[in-house]
Protein backbone atom coordinates (compact mmCIF):
# COMPACT_ATOMS: atom_id res chain seq x y z
CA MET A 1 -35.02 6.14 1.92
CA ASN A 2 -34.53 2.96 -0.08
CA LYS A 3 -36.79 0.08 0.85
CA ILE A 4 -35.31 -3.37 0.34
CA ILE A 5 -36.87 -6.73 1.09
CA ILE A 6 -34.96 -9.96 1.59
CA LEU A 7 -37.00 -13.06 0.80
CA ASN A 8 -35.90 -16.49 1.97
CA GLY A 9 -37.43 -19.72 0.75
CA PRO A 10 -37.84 -23.22 2.13
CA ASN A 11 -35.60 -24.62 4.85
CA LEU A 12 -33.67 -21.40 5.30
CA ASN A 13 -35.41 -21.02 8.65
CA LEU A 14 -33.20 -23.94 9.75
CA LEU A 15 -29.87 -22.30 8.93
CA GLY A 16 -27.38 -23.02 11.69
CA GLU A 17 -28.95 -26.45 12.23
CA ARG A 18 -28.99 -28.14 8.83
CA GLU A 19 -26.04 -29.21 6.72
CA LYS A 20 -23.60 -27.04 8.61
CA GLU A 21 -20.76 -28.17 6.35
CA LYS A 22 -22.55 -26.42 3.45
CA TYR A 23 -24.48 -23.60 5.12
CA GLY A 24 -22.46 -22.85 8.26
CA ASN A 25 -23.45 -22.30 11.87
CA ILE A 26 -25.18 -18.94 11.56
CA SER A 27 -28.95 -18.84 12.01
CA LEU A 28 -31.33 -16.84 9.86
CA LYS A 29 -32.05 -14.62 12.90
CA VAL A 30 -28.35 -13.72 13.16
CA ILE A 31 -28.22 -13.01 9.41
CA GLU A 32 -31.23 -10.73 9.80
CA LYS A 33 -29.60 -8.94 12.74
CA ASN A 34 -26.40 -8.39 10.74
CA CYS A 35 -28.38 -7.11 7.77
CA GLU A 36 -30.39 -4.74 10.00
CA GLU A 37 -27.15 -3.27 11.35
CA PHE A 38 -25.92 -2.69 7.80
CA ALA A 39 -29.26 -1.17 6.81
CA LYS A 40 -29.26 1.30 9.71
CA LYS A 41 -25.78 2.52 8.79
CA ASN A 42 -26.76 2.89 5.13
CA ASP A 43 -30.15 4.58 5.27
CA ILE A 44 -32.05 1.48 4.13
CA LEU A 45 -35.48 0.46 5.34
CA LEU A 46 -35.14 -3.31 5.39
CA SER A 47 -37.77 -6.01 5.69
CA PHE A 48 -37.50 -9.79 5.76
CA PHE A 49 -39.82 -12.59 4.81
CA GLN A 50 -39.23 -16.32 5.00
CA SER A 51 -41.61 -19.09 4.04
CA ASN A 52 -41.51 -22.76 3.24
CA ILE A 53 -44.66 -22.25 1.17
CA GLU A 54 -44.28 -21.28 -2.48
CA GLY A 55 -47.56 -19.34 -2.69
CA GLU A 56 -46.66 -17.16 0.28
CA LEU A 57 -43.40 -16.19 -1.42
CA VAL A 58 -45.30 -15.39 -4.63
CA GLU A 59 -47.70 -13.16 -2.70
CA GLU A 60 -44.83 -11.32 -1.01
CA ILE A 61 -43.13 -10.77 -4.38
CA GLN A 62 -46.37 -9.38 -5.80
CA LYS A 63 -46.77 -7.00 -2.83
CA SER A 64 -43.18 -5.80 -3.40
CA ARG A 65 -43.95 -4.36 -6.82
CA ASN A 66 -45.39 -1.16 -5.32
CA LYS A 67 -43.74 -1.08 -1.89
CA GLN A 68 -40.05 -1.88 -2.39
CA SER A 69 -37.09 -0.25 -4.13
CA GLY A 70 -35.23 -3.55 -4.48
CA LEU A 71 -35.64 -7.26 -3.78
CA ILE A 72 -33.05 -9.83 -2.70
CA ILE A 73 -34.19 -13.42 -2.95
CA ASN A 74 -32.73 -16.70 -1.74
CA ALA A 75 -35.46 -18.94 -3.08
CA GLY A 76 -33.77 -22.08 -1.78
CA GLY A 77 -35.01 -25.20 -3.56
CA TYR A 78 -37.67 -23.18 -5.40
CA THR A 79 -34.86 -21.59 -7.42
CA HIS A 80 -34.74 -24.75 -9.50
CA THR A 81 -38.43 -25.62 -9.70
CA SER A 82 -40.77 -22.66 -9.34
CA VAL A 83 -42.30 -21.23 -12.47
CA ALA A 84 -44.71 -19.35 -10.18
CA ILE A 85 -41.86 -17.48 -8.46
CA HIS A 86 -40.28 -16.81 -11.85
CA ASP A 87 -43.54 -15.35 -13.16
CA ALA A 88 -44.03 -13.20 -10.04
CA LEU A 89 -40.48 -11.81 -10.31
CA LYS A 90 -41.09 -11.07 -13.98
CA ILE A 91 -43.73 -8.50 -12.94
CA LEU A 92 -41.25 -6.44 -10.90
CA LYS A 93 -39.72 -3.25 -12.26
CA ILE A 94 -37.14 -3.02 -9.45
CA PRO A 95 -33.63 -4.47 -9.15
CA ILE A 96 -33.58 -8.14 -8.14
CA ILE A 97 -30.60 -9.96 -6.68
CA GLU A 98 -30.67 -13.75 -6.65
CA LEU A 99 -28.69 -15.00 -3.66
CA HIS A 100 -27.37 -18.42 -2.66
CA ILE A 101 -25.19 -19.28 0.31
CA THR A 102 -23.45 -22.09 -1.58
CA ASN A 103 -22.12 -22.13 -5.11
CA ILE A 104 -25.01 -23.81 -6.91
CA TYR A 105 -22.74 -24.50 -9.90
CA ASN A 106 -20.52 -26.94 -8.02
CA ARG A 107 -23.38 -28.89 -6.46
CA GLU A 108 -25.80 -31.50 -7.76
CA GLU A 109 -26.74 -31.15 -11.42
CA PHE A 110 -30.37 -30.25 -10.65
CA ARG A 111 -29.19 -27.27 -8.55
CA GLN A 112 -27.18 -25.84 -11.42
CA LYS A 113 -30.32 -24.66 -13.23
CA SER A 114 -32.00 -21.53 -11.92
CA LEU A 115 -35.43 -20.50 -13.16
CA ILE A 116 -34.93 -16.97 -11.82
CA SER A 117 -31.40 -15.96 -12.88
CA ASN A 118 -32.53 -14.58 -16.21
CA LEU A 119 -34.76 -12.08 -14.35
CA ALA A 120 -32.16 -11.01 -11.80
CA THR A 121 -30.09 -7.86 -12.04
CA SER A 122 -27.32 -9.86 -10.38
CA VAL A 123 -26.63 -13.32 -8.97
CA LEU A 124 -24.48 -13.91 -5.87
CA CYS A 125 -23.56 -17.43 -4.86
CA GLY A 126 -20.90 -19.23 -2.92
CA PHE A 127 -19.99 -16.52 -0.41
CA GLY A 128 -21.65 -18.18 2.56
CA THR A 129 -23.88 -16.13 4.80
CA GLU A 130 -21.68 -13.07 4.08
CA GLY A 131 -23.47 -13.02 0.74
CA TYR A 132 -26.42 -11.32 2.42
CA ILE A 133 -24.35 -8.24 3.29
CA MET A 134 -22.70 -8.35 -0.13
CA ALA A 135 -26.17 -8.40 -1.73
CA LEU A 136 -27.22 -5.38 0.33
CA GLN A 137 -24.07 -3.52 -0.72
CA ALA A 138 -24.75 -4.36 -4.36
CA MET A 139 -28.40 -3.34 -4.10
CA LYS A 140 -27.39 -0.04 -2.50
CA SER A 141 -25.11 0.58 -5.49
CA PHE A 142 -27.80 -0.40 -8.02
CA LEU A 143 -30.31 1.95 -6.39
CA LYS A 144 -27.80 4.81 -6.18
CA ASN A 145 -27.08 4.50 -9.92
CA GLU A 146 -30.80 4.20 -10.69
CA ASN A 147 -31.60 7.41 -8.82
CA ARG A 148 -29.08 9.53 -10.73
């Protein structure tokens, strides 16, 4: 069974409350529920982790190196600033999908630079909260091809 972790960075715990015009009305709990339903139907053991604290995300990434088949990360604001998250992801030998709810390339200039894209197997952005299911579908495909 494939083990996939979805990591969410700062402020994503407030989805459904903050900047609804950009991020929509769906809470992180609803996203997790939708992802769990997909996982059950697709023989995926799914785990979630969210933190507003950079070091906690780094620790979770490090733990993933021996426990997970794939990692999906929405690093939030840390996407653009965290060398520590970049360095932790660099250690992984599993597929990584960088995920963003909005299209970071049509937002503020500082958001258009990702410190983690060059480590990701794939980058998904601009699909709203549906991007989480799309990322799971993509990861399932990556893992299927890897196991051949």
